[in-house]
Amino acid sequence: MDTSYVLIRVYNQETIEVYYFKCNTYCNRTLYKYPICFTANNIHCMFILISLHNEFIFLSTQHKLYLGKELYKAEISIQLNQQYIQE
């Protein structure tokens, strides 16, 4: 199981924002660091930005596939001018 999670949102129907939260356990307490934020106008640029960051190397394949699916949905919602809701 991954010790992180990702929040994706569409800002002003033109920009995709990704917030990556990493979780650490210390003395049986779950601590979250400040998020790493990525912003791009399309998923191609977003994939390049994400691939340049070392933290995403440690995500499971399932988590990476989920991230790709959600980013694709976000881009389609921008193109169709619809509201994006992350699953």
PDB file of N, CA and C in Angstrom:
ATOM      1  N   MET A   1       0.832  -1.182   0.000  1.00  0.00           N
ATOM      2  CA  MET A   1       0.000   0.000   0.000  1.00  0.00           C
ATOM      3  C   MET A   1       0.877   1.245   0.000  1.00  0.00           C
ATOM      4  N   ASP A   2       0.500   2.214  -0.810  1.00  0.00           N
ATOM      5  CA  ASP A   2       1.256   3.457  -0.885  1.00  0.00           C
ATOM      6  C   ASP A   2       1.035   4.289   0.369  1.00  0.00           C
ATOM      7  N   THR A   3       2.048   5.038   0.729  1.00  0.00           N
ATOM      8  CA  THR A   3       1.940   5.924   1.886  1.00  0.00           C
ATOM      9  C   THR A   3       1.759   7.363   1.420  1.00  0.00           C
ATOM     10  N   SER A   4       0.974   7.534   0.382  1.00  0.00           N
ATOM     11  CA  SER A   4       0.744   8.866  -0.164  1.00  0.00           C
ATOM     12  C   SER A   4      -0.610   8.904  -0.850  1.00  0.00           C
ATOM     13  N   TYR A   5      -1.066  10.123  -1.148  1.00  0.00           N
ATOM     14  CA  TYR A   5      -2.285  10.256  -1.943  1.00  0.00           C
ATOM     15  C   TYR A   5      -2.195  11.517  -2.785  1.00  0.00           C
ATOM     16  N   VAL A   6      -3.048  11.569  -3.801  1.00  0.00           N
ATOM     17  CA  VAL A   6      -3.015  12.654  -4.766  1.00  0.00           C
ATOM     18  C   VAL A   6      -4.394  13.285  -4.864  1.00  0.00           C
ATOM     19  N   LEU A   7      -4.437  14.612  -4.821  1.00  0.00           N
ATOM     20  CA  LEU A   7      -5.670  15.354  -5.083  1.00  0.00           C
ATOM     21  C   LEU A   7      -5.519  16.047  -6.428  1.00  0.00           C
ATOM     22  N   ILE A   8      -6.535  15.904  -7.260  1.00  0.00           N
ATOM     23  CA  ILE A   8      -6.526  16.520  -8.583  1.00  0.00           C
ATOM     24  C   ILE A   8      -7.720  17.458  -8.661  1.00  0.00           C
ATOM     25  N   ARG A   9      -7.495  18.641  -9.214  1.00  0.00           N
ATOM     26  CA  ARG A   9      -8.606  19.561  -9.412  1.00  0.00           C
ATOM     27  C   ARG A   9      -8.382  20.361 -10.683  1.00  0.00           C
ATOM     28  N   VAL A  10      -9.469  20.854 -11.231  1.00  0.00           N
ATOM     29  CA  VAL A  10      -9.424  21.724 -12.406  1.00  0.00           C
ATOM     30  C   VAL A  10      -9.709  23.133 -11.926  1.00  0.00           C
ATOM     31  N   TYR A  11      -8.847  24.054 -12.287  1.00  0.00           N
ATOM     32  CA  TYR A  11      -8.977  25.436 -11.863  1.00  0.00           C
ATOM     33  C   TYR A  11      -9.406  26.303 -13.046  1.00  0.00           C
ATOM     34  N   ASN A  12     -10.507  27.017 -12.889  1.00  0.00           N
ATOM     35  CA  ASN A  12     -11.040  27.932 -13.905  1.00  0.00           C
ATOM     36  C   ASN A  12     -11.238  27.281 -15.272  1.00  0.00           C
ATOM     37  N   GLN A  13     -11.546  26.031 -15.296  1.00  0.00           N
ATOM     38  CA  GLN A  13     -11.796  25.289 -16.540  1.00  0.00           C
ATOM     39  C   GLN A  13     -10.662  25.438 -17.556  1.00  0.00           C
ATOM     40  N   GLU A  14      -9.424  25.607 -17.059  1.00  0.00           N
ATOM     41  CA  GLU A  14      -8.312  25.734 -17.994  1.00  0.00           C
ATOM     42  C   GLU A  14      -7.012  25.128 -17.483  1.00  0.00           C
ATOM     43  N   THR A  15      -6.893  24.898 -16.195  1.00  0.00           N
ATOM     44  CA  THR A  15      -5.641  24.420 -15.618  1.00  0.00           C
ATOM     45  C   THR A  15      -5.892  23.197 -14.750  1.00  0.00           C
ATOM     46  N   ILE A  16      -5.018  22.199 -14.889  1.00  0.00           N
ATOM     47  CA  ILE A  16      -5.079  21.002 -14.048  1.00  0.00           C
ATOM     48  C   ILE A  16      -4.067  21.171 -12.924  1.00  0.00           C
ATOM     49  N   GLU A  17      -4.510  20.948 -11.708  1.00  0.00           N
ATOM     50  CA  GLU A  17      -3.633  21.033 -10.536  1.00  0.00           C
ATOM     51  C   GLU A  17      -3.555  19.667  -9.868  1.00  0.00           C
ATOM     52  N   VAL A  18      -2.353  19.264  -9.503  1.00  0.00           N
ATOM     53  CA  VAL A  18      -2.135  18.000  -8.800  1.00  0.00           C
ATOM     54  C   VAL A  18      -1.417  18.322  -7.501  1.00  0.00           C
ATOM     55  N   TYR A  19      -1.967  17.826  -6.393  1.00  0.00           N
ATOM     56  CA  TYR A  19      -1.364  17.981  -5.069  1.00  0.00           C
ATOM     57  C   TYR A  19      -0.984  16.589  -4.566  1.00  0.00           C
ATOM     58  N   TYR A  20       0.291  16.389  -4.331  1.00  0.00           N
ATOM     59  CA  TYR A  20       0.806  15.092  -3.900  1.00  0.00           C
ATOM     60  C   TYR A  20       1.159  15.180  -2.415  1.00  0.00           C
ATOM     61  N   PHE A  21       0.483  14.371  -1.602  1.00  0.00           N
ATOM     62  CA  PHE A  21       0.727  14.328  -0.157  1.00  0.00           C
ATOM     63  C   PHE A  21       1.446  13.037   0.197  1.00  0.00           C
ATOM     64  N   LYS A  22       2.535  13.150   0.907  1.00  0.00           N
ATOM     65  CA  LYS A  22       3.274  11.975   1.368  1.00  0.00           C
ATOM     66  C   LYS A  22       3.051  11.807   2.859  1.00  0.00           C
ATOM     67  N   CYS A  23       2.821  10.570   3.253  1.00  0.00           N
ATOM     68  CA  CYS A  23       2.516  10.246   4.644  1.00  0.00           C
ATOM     69  C   CYS A  23       3.724   9.595   5.301  1.00  0.00           C
ATOM     70  N   ASN A  24       4.024  10.006   6.505  1.00  0.00           N
ATOM     71  CA  ASN A  24       5.060   9.379   7.327  1.00  0.00           C
ATOM     72  C   ASN A  24       4.440   8.942   8.645  1.00  0.00           C
ATOM     73  N   THR A  25       4.934   7.851   9.188  1.00  0.00           N
ATOM     74  CA  THR A  25       4.471   7.390  10.491  1.00  0.00           C
ATOM     75  C   THR A  25       5.582   7.631  11.508  1.00  0.00           C
ATOM     76  N   TYR A  26       5.226   8.293  12.595  1.00  0.00           N
ATOM     77  CA  TYR A  26       6.183   8.607  13.637  1.00  0.00           C
ATOM     78  C   TYR A  26       5.496   8.382  14.979  1.00  0.00           C
ATOM     79  N   CYS A  27       6.037   7.475  15.803  1.00  0.00           N
ATOM     80  CA  CYS A  27       5.482   7.160  17.118  1.00  0.00           C
ATOM     81  C   CYS A  27       3.996   6.798  17.009  1.00  0.00           C
ATOM     82  N   ASN A  28       3.664   5.923  16.081  1.00  0.00           N
ATOM     83  CA  ASN A  28       2.288   5.454  15.852  1.00  0.00           C
ATOM     84  C   ASN A  28       1.320   6.567  15.480  1.00  0.00           C
ATOM     85  N   ARG A  29       1.823   7.660  14.949  1.00  0.00           N
ATOM     86  CA  ARG A  29       0.977   8.759  14.487  1.00  0.00           C
ATOM     87  C   ARG A  29       1.234   8.971  13.003  1.00  0.00           C
ATOM     88  N   THR A  30       0.196   9.244  12.275  1.00  0.00           N
ATOM     89  CA  THR A  30       0.313   9.514  10.850  1.00  0.00           C
ATOM     90  C   THR A  30       0.521  11.004  10.649  1.00  0.00           C
ATOM     91  N   LEU A  31       1.609  11.349   9.983  1.00  0.00           N
ATOM     92  CA  LEU A  31       1.943  12.744   9.722  1.00  0.00           C
ATOM     93  C   LEU A  31       2.017  12.961   8.223  1.00  0.00           C
ATOM     94  N   TYR A  32       1.412  14.036   7.749  1.00  0.00           N
ATOM     95  CA  TYR A  32       1.468  14.386   6.334  1.00  0.00           C
ATOM     96  C   TYR A  32       2.325  15.625   6.155  1.00  0.00           C
ATOM     97  N   LYS A  33       3.214  15.573   5.186  1.00  0.00           N
ATOM     98  CA  LYS A  33       4.016  16.738   4.850  1.00  0.00           C
ATOM     99  C   LYS A  33       3.184  17.687   3.999  1.00  0.00           C
ATOM    100  N   TYR A  34       3.687  18.891   3.820  1.00  0.00           N
ATOM    101  CA  TYR A  34       3.032  19.822   2.908  1.00  0.00           C
ATOM    102  C   TYR A  34       3.013  19.200   1.517  1.00  0.00           C
ATOM    103  N   PRO A  35       1.988  19.503   0.728  1.00  0.00           N
ATOM    104  CA  PRO A  35       1.898  18.860  -0.583  1.00  0.00           C
ATOM    105  C   PRO A  35       2.928  19.407  -1.576  1.00  0.00           C
ATOM    106  N   ILE A  36       3.259  18.553  -2.524  1.00  0.00           N
ATOM    107  CA  ILE A  36       4.035  18.973  -3.683  1.00  0.00           C
ATOM    108  C   ILE A  36       2.993  19.309  -4.743  1.00  0.00           C
ATOM    109  N   CYS A  37       3.060  20.495  -5.303  1.00  0.00           N
ATOM    110  CA  CYS A  37       2.019  20.972  -6.221  1.00  0.00           C
ATOM    111  C   CYS A  37       2.549  21.041  -7.647  1.00  0.00           C
ATOM    112  N   PHE A  38       1.724  20.575  -8.570  1.00  0.00           N
ATOM    113  CA  PHE A  38       2.025  20.639  -9.997  1.00  0.00           C
ATOM    114  C   PHE A  38       0.858  21.320 -10.688  1.00  0.00           C
ATOM    115  N   THR A  39       1.150  22.177 -11.670  1.00  0.00           N
ATOM    116  CA  THR A  39       0.115  22.863 -12.426  1.00  0.00           C
ATOM    117  C   THR A  39       0.498  22.831 -13.903  1.00  0.00           C
ATOM    118  N   ALA A  40      -0.479  22.456 -14.759  1.00  0.00           N
ATOM    119  CA  ALA A  40      -0.235  22.416 -16.207  1.00  0.00           C
ATOM    120  C   ALA A  40      -1.544  22.627 -16.945  1.00  0.00           C
ATOM    121  N   ASN A  41      -1.436  22.978 -18.215  1.00  0.00           N
ATOM    122  CA  ASN A  41      -2.619  23.218 -19.032  1.00  0.00           C
ATOM    123  C   ASN A  41      -3.115  21.970 -19.743  1.00  0.00           C
ATOM    124  N   ASN A  42      -2.292  20.925 -19.808  1.00  0.00           N
ATOM    125  CA  ASN A  42      -2.726  19.673 -20.423  1.00  0.00           C
ATOM    126  C   ASN A  42      -1.994  18.509 -19.763  1.00  0.00           C
ATOM    127  N   ILE A  43      -2.474  17.305 -20.027  1.00  0.00           N
ATOM    128  CA  ILE A  43      -1.894  16.156 -19.321  1.00  0.00           C
ATOM    129  C   ILE A  43      -0.514  15.800 -19.855  1.00  0.00           C
ATOM    130  N   HIS A  44      -0.209  16.148 -21.098  1.00  0.00           N
ATOM    131  CA  HIS A  44       1.136  15.869 -21.616  1.00  0.00           C
ATOM    132  C   HIS A  44       2.183  16.616 -20.787  1.00  0.00           C
ATOM    133  N   CYS A  45       1.951  17.894 -20.570  1.00  0.00           N
ATOM    134  CA  CYS A  45       2.871  18.686 -19.730  1.00  0.00           C
ATOM    135  C   CYS A  45       2.879  18.180 -18.293  1.00  0.00           C
ATOM    136  N   MET A  46       1.703  17.776 -17.787  1.00  0.00           N
ATOM    137  CA  MET A  46       1.616  17.264 -16.422  1.00  0.00           C
ATOM    138  C   MET A  46       2.435  15.985 -16.261  1.00  0.00           C
ATOM    139  N   PHE A  47       2.356  15.078 -17.238  1.00  0.00           N
ATOM    140  CA  PHE A  47       3.131  13.840 -17.163  1.00  0.00           C
ATOM    141  C   PHE A  47       4.626  14.126 -17.159  1.00  0.00           C
ATOM    142  N   ILE A  48       5.061  15.107 -17.921  1.00  0.00           N
ATOM    143  CA  ILE A  48       6.478  15.478 -17.930  1.00  0.00           C
ATOM    144  C   ILE A  48       6.891  16.027 -16.565  1.00  0.00           C
ATOM    145  N   LEU A  49       6.075  16.919 -16.010  1.00  0.00           N
ATOM    146  CA  LEU A  49       6.386  17.476 -14.686  1.00  0.00           C
ATOM    147  C   LEU A  49       6.475  16.383 -13.622  1.00  0.00           C
ATOM    148  N   ILE A  50       5.485  15.492 -13.627  1.00  0.00           N
ATOM    149  CA  ILE A  50       5.447  14.424 -12.619  1.00  0.00           C
ATOM    150  C   ILE A  50       6.638  13.482 -12.779  1.00  0.00           C
ATOM    151  N   SER A  51       7.001  13.172 -14.017  1.00  0.00           N
ATOM    152  CA  SER A  51       8.104  12.230 -14.245  1.00  0.00           C
ATOM    153  C   SER A  51       9.449  12.799 -13.794  1.00  0.00           C
ATOM    154  N   LEU A  52       9.547  14.117 -13.692  1.00  0.00           N
ATOM    155  CA  LEU A  52      10.799  14.739 -13.255  1.00  0.00           C
ATOM    156  C   LEU A  52      10.974  14.734 -11.740  1.00  0.00           C
ATOM    157  N   HIS A  53       9.940  14.384 -11.008  1.00  0.00           N
ATOM    158  CA  HIS A  53      10.018  14.403  -9.542  1.00  0.00           C
ATOM    159  C   HIS A  53      10.312  12.994  -9.022  1.00  0.00           C
ATOM    160  N   ASN A  54      11.220  12.885  -8.075  1.00  0.00           N
ATOM    161  CA  ASN A  54      11.663  11.586  -7.568  1.00  0.00           C
ATOM    162  C   ASN A  54      10.610  10.833  -6.762  1.00  0.00           C
ATOM    163  N   GLU A  55       9.690  11.507  -6.118  1.00  0.00           N
ATOM    164  CA  GLU A  55       8.707  10.838  -5.253  1.00  0.00           C
ATOM    165  C   GLU A  55       7.796   9.884  -6.022  1.00  0.00           C
ATOM    166  N   PHE A  56       7.509  10.179  -7.274  1.00  0.00           N
ATOM    167  CA  PHE A  56       6.568   9.367  -8.033  1.00  0.00           C
ATOM    168  C   PHE A  56       7.163   8.034  -8.475  1.00  0.00           C
ATOM    169  N   ILE A  57       8.464   7.878  -8.347  1.00  0.00           N
ATOM    170  CA  ILE A  57       9.107   6.606  -8.663  1.00  0.00           C
ATOM    171  C   ILE A  57       8.613   5.522  -7.712  1.00  0.00           C
ATOM    172  N   PHE A  58       8.292   5.881  -6.498  1.00  0.00           N
ATOM    173  CA  PHE A  58       7.937   4.911  -5.470  1.00  0.00           C
ATOM    174  C   PHE A  58       6.455   4.550  -5.437  1.00  0.00           C
ATOM    175  N   LEU A  59       5.634   5.161  -6.282  1.00  0.00           N
ATOM    176  CA  LEU A  59       4.213   4.806  -6.324  1.00  0.00           C
ATOM    177  C   LEU A  59       4.026   3.429  -6.950  1.00  0.00           C
ATOM    178  N   SER A  60       3.016   2.733  -6.499  1.00  0.00           N
ATOM    179  CA  SER A  60       2.703   1.431  -7.091  1.00  0.00           C
ATOM    180  C   SER A  60       2.159   1.620  -8.499  1.00  0.00           C
ATOM    181  N   THR A  61       2.206   0.560  -9.292  1.00  0.00           N
ATOM    182  CA  THR A  61       1.677   0.616 -10.653  1.00  0.00           C
ATOM    183  C   THR A  61       0.195   0.953 -10.640  1.00  0.00           C
ATOM    184  N   GLN A  62      -0.545   0.391  -9.715  1.00  0.00           N
ATOM    185  CA  GLN A  62      -1.980   0.658  -9.608  1.00  0.00           C
ATOM    186  C   GLN A  62      -2.236   2.148  -9.338  1.00  0.00           C
ATOM    187  N   HIS A  63      -1.444   2.735  -8.480  1.00  0.00           N
ATOM    188  CA  HIS A  63      -1.601   4.158  -8.157  1.00  0.00           C
ATOM    189  C   HIS A  63      -1.259   5.038  -9.370  1.00  0.00           C
ATOM    190  N   LYS A  64      -0.226   4.655 -10.114  1.00  0.00           N
ATOM    191  CA  LYS A  64       0.151   5.403 -11.311  1.00  0.00           C
ATOM    192  C   LYS A  64      -0.941   5.323 -12.372  1.00  0.00           C
ATOM    193  N   LEU A  65      -1.541   4.144 -12.554  1.00  0.00           N
ATOM    194  CA  LEU A  65      -2.630   3.991 -13.515  1.00  0.00           C
ATOM    195  C   LEU A  65      -3.839   4.824 -13.106  1.00  0.00           C
ATOM    196  N   TYR A  66      -4.151   4.831 -11.822  1.00  0.00           N
ATOM    197  CA  TYR A  66      -5.256   5.649 -11.314  1.00  0.00           C
ATOM    198  C   TYR A  66      -4.990   7.128 -11.586  1.00  0.00           C
ATOM    199  N   LEU A  67      -3.773   7.574 -11.336  1.00  0.00           N
ATOM    200  CA  LEU A  67      -3.405   8.963 -11.569  1.00  0.00           C
ATOM    201  C   LEU A  67      -3.573   9.327 -13.040  1.00  0.00           C
ATOM    202  N   GLY A  68      -3.129   8.465 -13.939  1.00  0.00           N
ATOM    203  CA  GLY A  68      -3.280   8.713 -15.366  1.00  0.00           C
ATOM    204  C   GLY A  68      -4.732   8.801 -15.783  1.00  0.00           C
ATOM    205  N   LYS A  69      -5.565   7.903 -15.253  1.00  0.00           N
ATOM    206  CA  LYS A  69      -6.992   7.909 -15.577  1.00  0.00           C
ATOM    207  C   LYS A  69      -7.646   9.202 -15.112  1.00  0.00           C
ATOM    208  N   GLU A  70      -7.344   9.628 -13.908  1.00  0.00           N
ATOM    209  CA  GLU A  70      -7.944  10.842 -13.365  1.00  0.00           C
ATOM    210  C   GLU A  70      -7.466  12.096 -14.099  1.00  0.00           C
ATOM    211  N   LEU A  71      -6.208  12.120 -14.489  1.00  0.00           N
ATOM    212  CA  LEU A  71      -5.718  13.265 -15.256  1.00  0.00           C
ATOM    213  C   LEU A  71      -6.394  13.329 -16.625  1.00  0.00           C
ATOM    214  N   TYR A  72      -6.614  12.182 -17.233  1.00  0.00           N
ATOM    215  CA  TYR A  72      -7.311  12.128 -18.516  1.00  0.00           C
ATOM    216  C   TYR A  72      -8.744  12.647 -18.355  1.00  0.00           C
ATOM    217  N   LYS A  73      -9.423  12.227 -17.291  1.00  0.00           N
ATOM    218  CA  LYS A  73     -10.781  12.718 -17.032  1.00  0.00           C
ATOM    219  C   LYS A  73     -10.788  14.233 -16.817  1.00  0.00           C
ATOM    220  N   ALA A  74      -9.774  14.746 -16.129  1.00  0.00           N
ATOM    221  CA  ALA A  74      -9.688  16.186 -15.887  1.00  0.00           C
ATOM    222  C   ALA A  74      -9.524  16.945 -17.197  1.00  0.00           C
ATOM    223  N   GLU A  75      -8.684  16.437 -18.086  1.00  0.00           N
ATOM    224  CA  GLU A  75      -8.487  17.121 -19.359  1.00  0.00           C
ATOM    225  C   GLU A  75      -9.757  17.076 -20.217  1.00  0.00           C
ATOM    226  N   ILE A  76     -10.442  15.956 -20.225  1.00  0.00           N
ATOM    227  CA  ILE A  76     -11.699  15.858 -20.978  1.00  0.00           C
ATOM    228  C   ILE A  76     -12.739  16.830 -20.410  1.00  0.00           C
ATOM    229  N   SER A  77     -12.792  16.960 -19.087  1.00  0.00           N
ATOM    230  CA  SER A  77     -13.758  17.890 -18.492  1.00  0.00           C
ATOM    231  C   SER A  77     -13.473  19.330 -18.899  1.00  0.00           C
ATOM    232  N   ILE A  78     -12.200  19.669 -19.089  1.00  0.00           N
ATOM    233  CA  ILE A  78     -11.850  21.015 -19.559  1.00  0.00           C
ATOM    234  C   ILE A  78     -12.315  21.195 -21.003  1.00  0.00           C
ATOM    235  N   GLN A  79     -12.035  20.199 -21.836  1.00  0.00           N
ATOM    236  CA  GLN A  79     -12.401  20.308 -23.252  1.00  0.00           C
ATOM    237  C   GLN A  79     -13.911  20.383 -23.451  1.00  0.00           C
ATOM    238  N   LEU A  80     -14.662  19.668 -22.619  1.00  0.00           N
ATOM    239  CA  LEU A  80     -16.128  19.650 -22.743  1.00  0.00           C
ATOM    240  C   LEU A  80     -16.813  20.696 -21.871  1.00  0.00           C
ATOM    241  N   ASN A  81     -15.995  21.486 -21.159  1.00  0.00           N
ATOM    242  CA  ASN A  81     -16.503  22.530 -20.272  1.00  0.00           C
ATOM    243  C   ASN A  81     -17.481  21.960 -19.231  1.00  0.00           C
ATOM    244  N   GLN A  82     -17.081  20.852 -18.625  1.00  0.00           N
ATOM    245  CA  GLN A  82     -17.876  20.211 -17.592  1.00  0.00           C
ATOM    246  C   GLN A  82     -17.114  20.215 -16.274  1.00  0.00           C
ATOM    247  N   GLN A  83     -17.841  19.967 -15.205  1.00  0.00           N
ATOM    248  CA  GLN A  83     -17.229  19.928 -13.879  1.00  0.00           C
ATOM    249  C   GLN A  83     -16.460  18.622 -13.709  1.00  0.00           C
ATOM    250  N   TYR A  84     -15.270  18.697 -13.132  1.00  0.00           N
ATOM    251  CA  TYR A  84     -14.464  17.497 -12.858  1.00  0.00           C
ATOM    252  C   TYR A  84     -14.649  17.093 -11.391  1.00  0.00           C
ATOM    253  N   ILE A  85     -14.901  15.814 -11.183  1.00  0.00           N
ATOM    254  CA  ILE A  85     -15.002  15.261  -9.826  1.00  0.00           C
ATOM    255  C   ILE A  85     -14.092  14.048  -9.762  1.00  0.00           C
ATOM    256  N   GLN A  86     -13.139  14.081  -8.845  1.00  0.00           N
ATOM    257  CA  GLN A  86     -12.193  12.983  -8.688  1.00  0.00           C
ATOM    258  C   GLN A  86     -12.870  11.815  -7.980  1.00  0.00           C
ATOM    259  N   GLU A  87     -12.606  10.598  -8.468  1.00  0.00           N
ATOM    260  CA  GLU A  87     -13.150   9.392  -7.830  1.00  0.00           C
ATOM    261  C   GLU A  87     -12.323   9.027  -6.622  1.00  0.00           C
TER     262      GLU A  87
END
